[in-house]
Amino acid sequence: MKIVVTQQNINKGLRGSCSSDPVSLAMKEAGLCSPWVSPAHISWRSKSKDYTVPTPDEVLVFIKGFDNNVSVEPFEFELEEA
């Protein structure tokens, strides 16, 4: 599933939050429930099933930059259901 993190997600995202950061907001917009993004893993619920996958490198770089108040750009990534 392609997750698109938009400038609007970045503007509304909360630094230091695992559930209201720009990536989580983009996951919610993609229809995923209860997204949780951390440096180690990404979790969510879809179709009454829980998923957890390792955080992709591009997401890790983004959230570290965002949380440290570094200018970040919109991006997209593939989220594989494991």
PDB file of N, CA and C in Angstrom:
ATOM      1  N   MET A   1       0.843  -1.172   0.000  1.00  0.00           N
ATOM      2  CA  MET A   1       0.000   0.000   0.000  1.00  0.00           C
ATOM      3  C   MET A   1       0.891   1.238   0.000  1.00  0.00           C
ATOM      4  N   LYS A   2       0.581   2.166  -0.892  1.00  0.00           N
ATOM      5  CA  LYS A   2       1.354   3.404  -0.961  1.00  0.00           C
ATOM      6  C   LYS A   2       0.802   4.393   0.067  1.00  0.00           C
ATOM      7  N   ILE A   3       1.701   4.941   0.874  1.00  0.00           N
ATOM      8  CA  ILE A   3       1.368   5.971   1.846  1.00  0.00           C
ATOM      9  C   ILE A   3       1.998   7.271   1.353  1.00  0.00           C
ATOM     10  N   VAL A   4       1.180   8.306   1.217  1.00  0.00           N
ATOM     11  CA  VAL A   4       1.640   9.603   0.723  1.00  0.00           C
ATOM     12  C   VAL A   4       1.582  10.611   1.871  1.00  0.00           C
ATOM     13  N   VAL A   5       2.738  11.089   2.278  1.00  0.00           N
ATOM     14  CA  VAL A   5       2.838  12.099   3.331  1.00  0.00           C
ATOM     15  C   VAL A   5       2.869  13.461   2.641  1.00  0.00           C
ATOM     16  N   THR A   6       1.816  14.241   2.838  1.00  0.00           N
ATOM     17  CA  THR A   6       1.661  15.524   2.154  1.00  0.00           C
ATOM     18  C   THR A   6       2.174  16.687   3.016  1.00  0.00           C
ATOM     19  N   GLN A   7       2.254  17.843   2.397  1.00  0.00           N
ATOM     20  CA  GLN A   7       2.627  19.042   3.153  1.00  0.00           C
ATOM     21  C   GLN A   7       1.587  19.327   4.231  1.00  0.00           C
ATOM     22  N   GLN A   8       0.332  19.041   3.949  1.00  0.00           N
ATOM     23  CA  GLN A   8      -0.722  19.232   4.951  1.00  0.00           C
ATOM     24  C   GLN A   8      -0.489  18.325   6.164  1.00  0.00           C
ATOM     25  N   ASN A   9      -0.071  17.062   5.920  1.00  0.00           N
ATOM     26  CA  ASN A   9       0.250  16.166   7.030  1.00  0.00           C
ATOM     27  C   ASN A   9       1.401  16.734   7.852  1.00  0.00           C
ATOM     28  N   ILE A  10       2.408  17.269   7.167  1.00  0.00           N
ATOM     29  CA  ILE A  10       3.564  17.841   7.856  1.00  0.00           C
ATOM     30  C   ILE A  10       3.126  19.040   8.698  1.00  0.00           C
ATOM     31  N   ASN A  11       2.281  19.896   8.130  1.00  0.00           N
ATOM     32  CA  ASN A  11       1.823  21.089   8.849  1.00  0.00           C
ATOM     33  C   ASN A  11       0.995  20.731  10.078  1.00  0.00           C
ATOM     34  N   LYS A  12       0.201  19.672  10.002  1.00  0.00           N
ATOM     35  CA  LYS A  12      -0.676  19.283  11.107  1.00  0.00           C
ATOM     36  C   LYS A  12      -0.013  18.330  12.098  1.00  0.00           C
ATOM     37  N   GLY A  13       1.115  17.723  11.713  1.00  0.00           N
ATOM     38  CA  GLY A  13       1.767  16.727  12.555  1.00  0.00           C
ATOM     39  C   GLY A  13       2.329  17.303  13.843  1.00  0.00           C
ATOM     40  N   LEU A  14       2.392  16.458  14.850  1.00  0.00           N
ATOM     41  CA  LEU A  14       2.936  16.850  16.151  1.00  0.00           C
ATOM     42  C   LEU A  14       4.304  16.201  16.358  1.00  0.00           C
ATOM     43  N   ARG A  15       5.288  17.021  16.665  1.00  0.00           N
ATOM     44  CA  ARG A  15       6.635  16.499  16.927  1.00  0.00           C
ATOM     45  C   ARG A  15       6.621  15.641  18.184  1.00  0.00           C
ATOM     46  N   GLY A  16       7.351  14.528  18.134  1.00  0.00           N
ATOM     47  CA  GLY A  16       7.479  13.653  19.294  1.00  0.00           C
ATOM     48  C   GLY A  16       6.284  12.747  19.527  1.00  0.00           C
ATOM     49  N   SER A  17       5.298  12.772  18.637  1.00  0.00           N
ATOM     50  CA  SER A  17       4.118  11.927  18.790  1.00  0.00           C
ATOM     51  C   SER A  17       4.243  10.697  17.901  1.00  0.00           C
ATOM     52  N   CYS A  18       3.873   9.553  18.435  1.00  0.00           N
ATOM     53  CA  CYS A  18       3.899   8.317  17.645  1.00  0.00           C
ATOM     54  C   CYS A  18       2.572   8.065  16.930  1.00  0.00           C
ATOM     55  N   SER A  19       1.537   8.840  17.280  1.00  0.00           N
ATOM     56  CA  SER A  19       0.223   8.603  16.671  1.00  0.00           C
ATOM     57  C   SER A  19      -0.376   9.831  15.994  1.00  0.00           C
ATOM     58  N   SER A  20       0.292  10.982  16.119  1.00  0.00           N
ATOM     59  CA  SER A  20      -0.195  12.203  15.464  1.00  0.00           C
ATOM     60  C   SER A  20       0.904  12.884  14.661  1.00  0.00           C
ATOM     61  N   ASP A  21       1.934  12.145  14.330  1.00  0.00           N
ATOM     62  CA  ASP A  21       3.006  12.657  13.482  1.00  0.00           C
ATOM     63  C   ASP A  21       2.516  12.649  12.025  1.00  0.00           C
ATOM     64  N   PRO A  22       3.227  13.276  11.094  1.00  0.00           N
ATOM     65  CA  PRO A  22       2.769  13.322   9.708  1.00  0.00           C
ATOM     66  C   PRO A  22       2.568  11.940   9.068  1.00  0.00           C
ATOM     67  N   VAL A  23       3.422  10.978   9.384  1.00  0.00           N
ATOM     68  CA  VAL A  23       3.286   9.640   8.797  1.00  0.00           C
ATOM     69  C   VAL A  23       2.015   8.973   9.303  1.00  0.00           C
ATOM     70  N   SER A  24       1.742   9.074  10.590  1.00  0.00           N
ATOM     71  CA  SER A  24       0.506   8.502  11.139  1.00  0.00           C
ATOM     72  C   SER A  24      -0.722   9.166  10.522  1.00  0.00           C
ATOM     73  N   LEU A  25      -0.677  10.481  10.351  1.00  0.00           N
ATOM     74  CA  LEU A  25      -1.806  11.181   9.743  1.00  0.00           C
ATOM     75  C   LEU A  25      -2.034  10.690   8.311  1.00  0.00           C
ATOM     76  N   ALA A  26      -0.954  10.492   7.566  1.00  0.00           N
ATOM     77  CA  ALA A  26      -1.072   9.984   6.198  1.00  0.00           C
ATOM     78  C   ALA A  26      -1.634   8.558   6.190  1.00  0.00           C
ATOM     79  N   MET A  27      -1.231   7.756   7.145  1.00  0.00           N
ATOM     80  CA  MET A  27      -1.749   6.384   7.233  1.00  0.00           C
ATOM     81  C   MET A  27      -3.249   6.395   7.521  1.00  0.00           C
ATOM     82  N   LYS A  28      -3.684   7.314   8.398  1.00  0.00           N
ATOM     83  CA  LYS A  28      -5.123   7.445   8.681  1.00  0.00           C
ATOM     84  C   LYS A  28      -5.877   7.834   7.419  1.00  0.00           C
ATOM     85  N   GLU A  29      -5.324   8.766   6.647  1.00  0.00           N
ATOM     86  CA  GLU A  29      -5.959   9.184   5.397  1.00  0.00           C
ATOM     87  C   GLU A  29      -6.049   8.035   4.397  1.00  0.00           C
ATOM     88  N   ALA A  30      -5.118   7.088   4.497  1.00  0.00           N
ATOM     89  CA  ALA A  30      -5.125   5.924   3.603  1.00  0.00           C
ATOM     90  C   ALA A  30      -6.097   4.844   4.079  1.00  0.00           C
ATOM     91  N   GLY A  31      -6.769   5.094   5.207  1.00  0.00           N
ATOM     92  CA  GLY A  31      -7.780   4.165   5.695  1.00  0.00           C
ATOM     93  C   GLY A  31      -7.317   3.182   6.745  1.00  0.00           C
ATOM     94  N   LEU A  32      -6.105   3.377   7.262  1.00  0.00           N
ATOM     95  CA  LEU A  32      -5.596   2.472   8.287  1.00  0.00           C
ATOM     96  C   LEU A  32      -5.971   2.997   9.668  1.00  0.00           C
ATOM     97  N   CYS A  33      -6.304   2.098  10.561  1.00  0.00           N
ATOM     98  CA  CYS A  33      -6.730   2.468  11.910  1.00  0.00           C
ATOM     99  C   CYS A  33      -5.571   2.349  12.892  1.00  0.00           C
ATOM    100  N   SER A  34      -5.593   3.192  13.888  1.00  0.00           N
ATOM    101  CA  SER A  34      -4.649   3.161  15.011  1.00  0.00           C
ATOM    102  C   SER A  34      -3.188   3.090  14.589  1.00  0.00           C
ATOM    103  N   PRO A  35      -2.744   3.950  13.655  1.00  0.00           N
ATOM    104  CA  PRO A  35      -1.329   3.899  13.273  1.00  0.00           C
ATOM    105  C   PRO A  35      -0.431   4.338  14.419  1.00  0.00           C
ATOM    106  N   TRP A  36       0.728   3.720  14.492  1.00  0.00           N
ATOM    107  CA  TRP A  36       1.734   4.014  15.516  1.00  0.00           C
ATOM    108  C   TRP A  36       3.090   3.937  14.830  1.00  0.00           C
ATOM    109  N   VAL A  37       3.820   5.042  14.831  1.00  0.00           N
ATOM    110  CA  VAL A  37       5.103   5.111  14.130  1.00  0.00           C
ATOM    111  C   VAL A  37       6.200   5.385  15.140  1.00  0.00           C
ATOM    112  N   SER A  38       7.175   4.501  15.197  1.00  0.00           N
ATOM    113  CA  SER A  38       8.329   4.680  16.075  1.00  0.00           C
ATOM    114  C   SER A  38       9.592   4.399  15.271  1.00  0.00           C
ATOM    115  N   PRO A  39      10.755   4.722  15.813  1.00  0.00           N
ATOM    116  CA  PRO A  39      11.984   4.412  15.083  1.00  0.00           C
ATOM    117  C   PRO A  39      12.167   2.915  14.811  1.00  0.00           C
ATOM    118  N   ALA A  40      11.601   2.073  15.645  1.00  0.00           N
ATOM    119  CA  ALA A  40      11.780   0.630  15.490  1.00  0.00           C
ATOM    120  C   ALA A  40      10.739  -0.024  14.583  1.00  0.00           C
ATOM    121  N   HIS A  41       9.474   0.414  14.704  1.00  0.00           N
ATOM    122  CA  HIS A  41       8.429  -0.250  13.935  1.00  0.00           C
ATOM    123  C   HIS A  41       7.230   0.656  13.672  1.00  0.00           C
ATOM    124  N   ILE A  42       6.426   0.226  12.712  1.00  0.00           N
ATOM    125  CA  ILE A  42       5.158   0.872  12.385  1.00  0.00           C
ATOM    126  C   ILE A  42       4.077  -0.166  12.633  1.00  0.00           C
ATOM    127  N   SER A  43       3.027   0.246  13.343  1.00  0.00           N
ATOM    128  CA  SER A  43       1.907  -0.657  13.626  1.00  0.00           C
ATOM    129  C   SER A  43       0.612   0.001  13.174  1.00  0.00           C
ATOM    130  N   TRP A  44      -0.376  -0.814  12.846  1.00  0.00           N
ATOM    131  CA  TRP A  44      -1.696  -0.327  12.473  1.00  0.00           C
ATOM    132  C   TRP A  44      -2.692  -1.475  12.497  1.00  0.00           C
ATOM    133  N   ARG A  45      -3.959  -1.126  12.379  1.00  0.00           N
ATOM    134  CA  ARG A  45      -5.037  -2.110  12.325  1.00  0.00           C
ATOM    135  C   ARG A  45      -5.752  -1.933  10.993  1.00  0.00           C
ATOM    136  N   SER A  46      -6.031  -3.051  10.349  1.00  0.00           N
ATOM    137  CA  SER A  46      -6.758  -3.041   9.084  1.00  0.00           C
ATOM    138  C   SER A  46      -7.585  -4.309   8.987  1.00  0.00           C
ATOM    139  N   LYS A  47      -8.859  -4.142   8.689  1.00  0.00           N
ATOM    140  CA  LYS A  47      -9.761  -5.283   8.532  1.00  0.00           C
ATOM    141  C   LYS A  47      -9.705  -6.217   9.736  1.00  0.00           C
ATOM    142  N   SER A  48      -9.786  -5.639  10.929  1.00  0.00           N
ATOM    143  CA  SER A  48      -9.806  -6.374  12.205  1.00  0.00           C
ATOM    144  C   SER A  48      -8.545  -7.181  12.466  1.00  0.00           C
ATOM    145  N   LYS A  49      -7.444  -6.798  11.850  1.00  0.00           N
ATOM    146  CA  LYS A  49      -6.176  -7.484  12.072  1.00  0.00           C
ATOM    147  C   LYS A  49      -5.106  -6.449  12.391  1.00  0.00           C
ATOM    148  N   ASP A  50      -4.225  -6.789  13.336  1.00  0.00           N
ATOM    149  CA  ASP A  50      -3.120  -5.902  13.702  1.00  0.00           C
ATOM    150  C   ASP A  50      -1.881  -6.261  12.895  1.00  0.00           C
ATOM    151  N   TYR A  51      -1.154  -5.222  12.470  1.00  0.00           N
ATOM    152  CA  TYR A  51       0.071  -5.404  11.702  1.00  0.00           C
ATOM    153  C   TYR A  51       1.198  -4.625  12.361  1.00  0.00           C
ATOM    154  N   THR A  52       2.403  -5.160  12.282  1.00  0.00           N
ATOM    155  CA  THR A  52       3.613  -4.475  12.728  1.00  0.00           C
ATOM    156  C   THR A  52       4.733  -4.840  11.770  1.00  0.00           C
ATOM    157  N   VAL A  53       5.426  -3.821  11.279  1.00  0.00           N
ATOM    158  CA  VAL A  53       6.556  -4.032  10.378  1.00  0.00           C
ATOM    159  C   VAL A  53       7.705  -3.137  10.830  1.00  0.00           C
ATOM    160  N   PRO A  54       8.939  -3.490  10.494  1.00  0.00           N
ATOM    161  CA  PRO A  54      10.067  -2.597  10.799  1.00  0.00           C
ATOM    162  C   PRO A  54       9.883  -1.258  10.076  1.00  0.00           C
ATOM    163  N   THR A  55      10.288  -0.189  10.709  1.00  0.00           N
ATOM    164  CA  THR A  55      10.179   1.130  10.095  1.00  0.00           C
ATOM    165  C   THR A  55      11.120   1.219   8.898  1.00  0.00           C
ATOM    166  N   PRO A  56      10.577   1.532   7.704  1.00  0.00           N
ATOM    167  CA  PRO A  56      11.445   1.689   6.521  1.00  0.00           C
ATOM    168  C   PRO A  56      12.452   2.819   6.738  1.00  0.00           C
ATOM    169  N   ASP A  57      13.623   2.680   6.124  1.00  0.00           N
ATOM    170  CA  ASP A  57      14.691   3.671   6.297  1.00  0.00           C
ATOM    171  C   ASP A  57      14.241   5.086   5.959  1.00  0.00           C
ATOM    172  N   GLU A  58      13.494   5.262   4.852  1.00  0.00           N
ATOM    173  CA  GLU A  58      13.085   6.609   4.457  1.00  0.00           C
ATOM    174  C   GLU A  58      12.124   7.229   5.479  1.00  0.00           C
ATOM    175  N   VAL A  59      11.323   6.404   6.133  1.00  0.00           N
ATOM    176  CA  VAL A  59      10.421   6.898   7.175  1.00  0.00           C
ATOM    177  C   VAL A  59      11.226   7.286   8.416  1.00  0.00           C
ATOM    178  N   LEU A  60      12.199   6.474   8.759  1.00  0.00           N
ATOM    179  CA  LEU A  60      13.042   6.764   9.917  1.00  0.00           C
ATOM    180  C   LEU A  60      13.773   8.091   9.742  1.00  0.00           C
ATOM    181  N   VAL A  61      14.349   8.312   8.577  1.00  0.00           N
ATOM    182  CA  VAL A  61      15.045   9.575   8.303  1.00  0.00           C
ATOM    183  C   VAL A  61      14.062  10.741   8.412  1.00  0.00           C
ATOM    184  N   PHE A  62      12.868  10.574   7.861  1.00  0.00           N
ATOM    185  CA  PHE A  62      11.855  11.626   7.908  1.00  0.00           C
ATOM    186  C   PHE A  62      11.455  11.953   9.350  1.00  0.00           C
ATOM    187  N   ILE A  63      11.096  10.934  10.132  1.00  0.00           N
ATOM    188  CA  ILE A  63      10.597  11.226  11.482  1.00  0.00           C
ATOM    189  C   ILE A  63      11.697  11.785  12.382  1.00  0.00           C
ATOM    190  N   LYS A  64      12.928  11.333  12.195  1.00  0.00           N
ATOM    191  CA  LYS A  64      14.027  11.901  12.976  1.00  0.00           C
ATOM    192  C   LYS A  64      14.207  13.380  12.635  1.00  0.00           C
ATOM    193  N   GLY A  65      14.154  13.704  11.348  1.00  0.00           N
ATOM    194  CA  GLY A  65      14.266  15.100  10.943  1.00  0.00           C
ATOM    195  C   GLY A  65      13.107  15.931  11.461  1.00  0.00           C
ATOM    196  N   PHE A  66      11.891  15.422  11.279  1.00  0.00           N
ATOM    197  CA  PHE A  66      10.699  16.137  11.730  1.00  0.00           C
ATOM    198  C   PHE A  66      10.745  16.387  13.229  1.00  0.00           C
ATOM    199  N   ASP A  67      11.047  15.345  14.008  1.00  0.00           N
ATOM    200  CA  ASP A  67      11.083  15.484  15.466  1.00  0.00           C
ATOM    201  C   ASP A  67      12.174  16.436  15.945  1.00  0.00           C
ATOM    202  N   ASN A  68      13.232  16.600  15.141  1.00  0.00           N
ATOM    203  CA  ASN A  68      14.329  17.492  15.512  1.00  0.00           C
ATOM    204  C   ASN A  68      14.219  18.863  14.858  1.00  0.00           C
ATOM    205  N   ASN A  69      13.024  19.179  14.353  1.00  0.00           N
ATOM    206  CA  ASN A  69      12.721  20.487  13.780  1.00  0.00           C
ATOM    207  C   ASN A  69      13.581  20.815  12.561  1.00  0.00           C
ATOM    208  N   VAL A  70      13.958  19.785  11.807  1.00  0.00           N
ATOM    209  CA  VAL A  70      14.670  19.964  10.547  1.00  0.00           C
ATOM    210  C   VAL A  70      13.616  20.076   9.452  1.00  0.00           C
ATOM    211  N   SER A  71      13.840  20.903   8.468  1.00  0.00           N
ATOM    212  CA  SER A  71      12.892  21.053   7.360  1.00  0.00           C
ATOM    213  C   SER A  71      12.771  19.719   6.614  1.00  0.00           C
ATOM    214  N   VAL A  72      11.544  19.225   6.453  1.00  0.00           N
ATOM    215  CA  VAL A  72      11.293  17.966   5.745  1.00  0.00           C
ATOM    216  C   VAL A  72      10.343  18.222   4.582  1.00  0.00           C
ATOM    217  N   GLU A  73      10.387  17.354   3.604  1.00  0.00           N
ATOM    218  CA  GLU A  73       9.579  17.484   2.396  1.00  0.00           C
ATOM    219  C   GLU A  73       8.546  16.359   2.336  1.00  0.00           C
ATOM    220  N   PRO A  74       7.434  16.587   1.639  1.00  0.00           N
ATOM    221  CA  PRO A  74       6.483  15.495   1.407  1.00  0.00           C
ATOM    222  C   PRO A  74       7.186  14.325   0.705  1.00  0.00           C
ATOM    223  N   PHE A  75       6.719  13.124   0.987  1.00  0.00           N
ATOM    224  CA  PHE A  75       7.294  11.934   0.360  1.00  0.00           C
ATOM    225  C   PHE A  75       6.261  10.816   0.389  1.00  0.00           C
ATOM    226  N   GLU A  76       6.578   9.723  -0.252  1.00  0.00           N
ATOM    227  CA  GLU A  76       5.706   8.563  -0.226  1.00  0.00           C
ATOM    228  C   GLU A  76       6.551   7.320  -0.045  1.00  0.00           C
ATOM    229  N   PHE A  77       5.905   6.275   0.473  1.00  0.00           N
ATOM    230  CA  PHE A  77       6.602   5.003   0.688  1.00  0.00           C
ATOM    231  C   PHE A  77       5.600   3.870   0.599  1.00  0.00           C
ATOM    232  N   GLU A  78       6.112   2.675   0.393  1.00  0.00           N
ATOM    233  CA  GLU A  78       5.284   1.480   0.356  1.00  0.00           C
ATOM    234  C   GLU A  78       5.243   0.858   1.728  1.00  0.00           C
ATOM    235  N   LEU A  79       4.041   0.567   2.188  1.00  0.00           N
ATOM    236  CA  LEU A  79       3.841  -0.103   3.467  1.00  0.00           C
ATOM    237  C   LEU A  79       3.386  -1.517   3.166  1.00  0.00           C
ATOM    238  N   GLU A  80       4.232  -2.464   3.475  1.00  0.00           N
ATOM    239  CA  GLU A  80       3.931  -3.879   3.214  1.00  0.00           C
ATOM    240  C   GLU A  80       3.266  -4.508   4.410  1.00  0.00           C
ATOM    241  N   GLU A  81       2.132  -5.144   4.200  1.00  0.00           N
ATOM    242  CA  GLU A  81       1.479  -5.865   5.286  1.00  0.00           C
ATOM    243  C   GLU A  81       2.235  -7.162   5.519  1.00  0.00           C
ATOM    244  N   ALA A  82       2.715  -7.347   6.746  1.00  0.00           N
ATOM    245  CA  ALA A  82       3.514  -8.540   7.052  1.00  0.00           C
ATOM    246  C   ALA A  82       2.664  -9.557   7.788  1.00  0.00           C
TER     247      ALA A  82
END
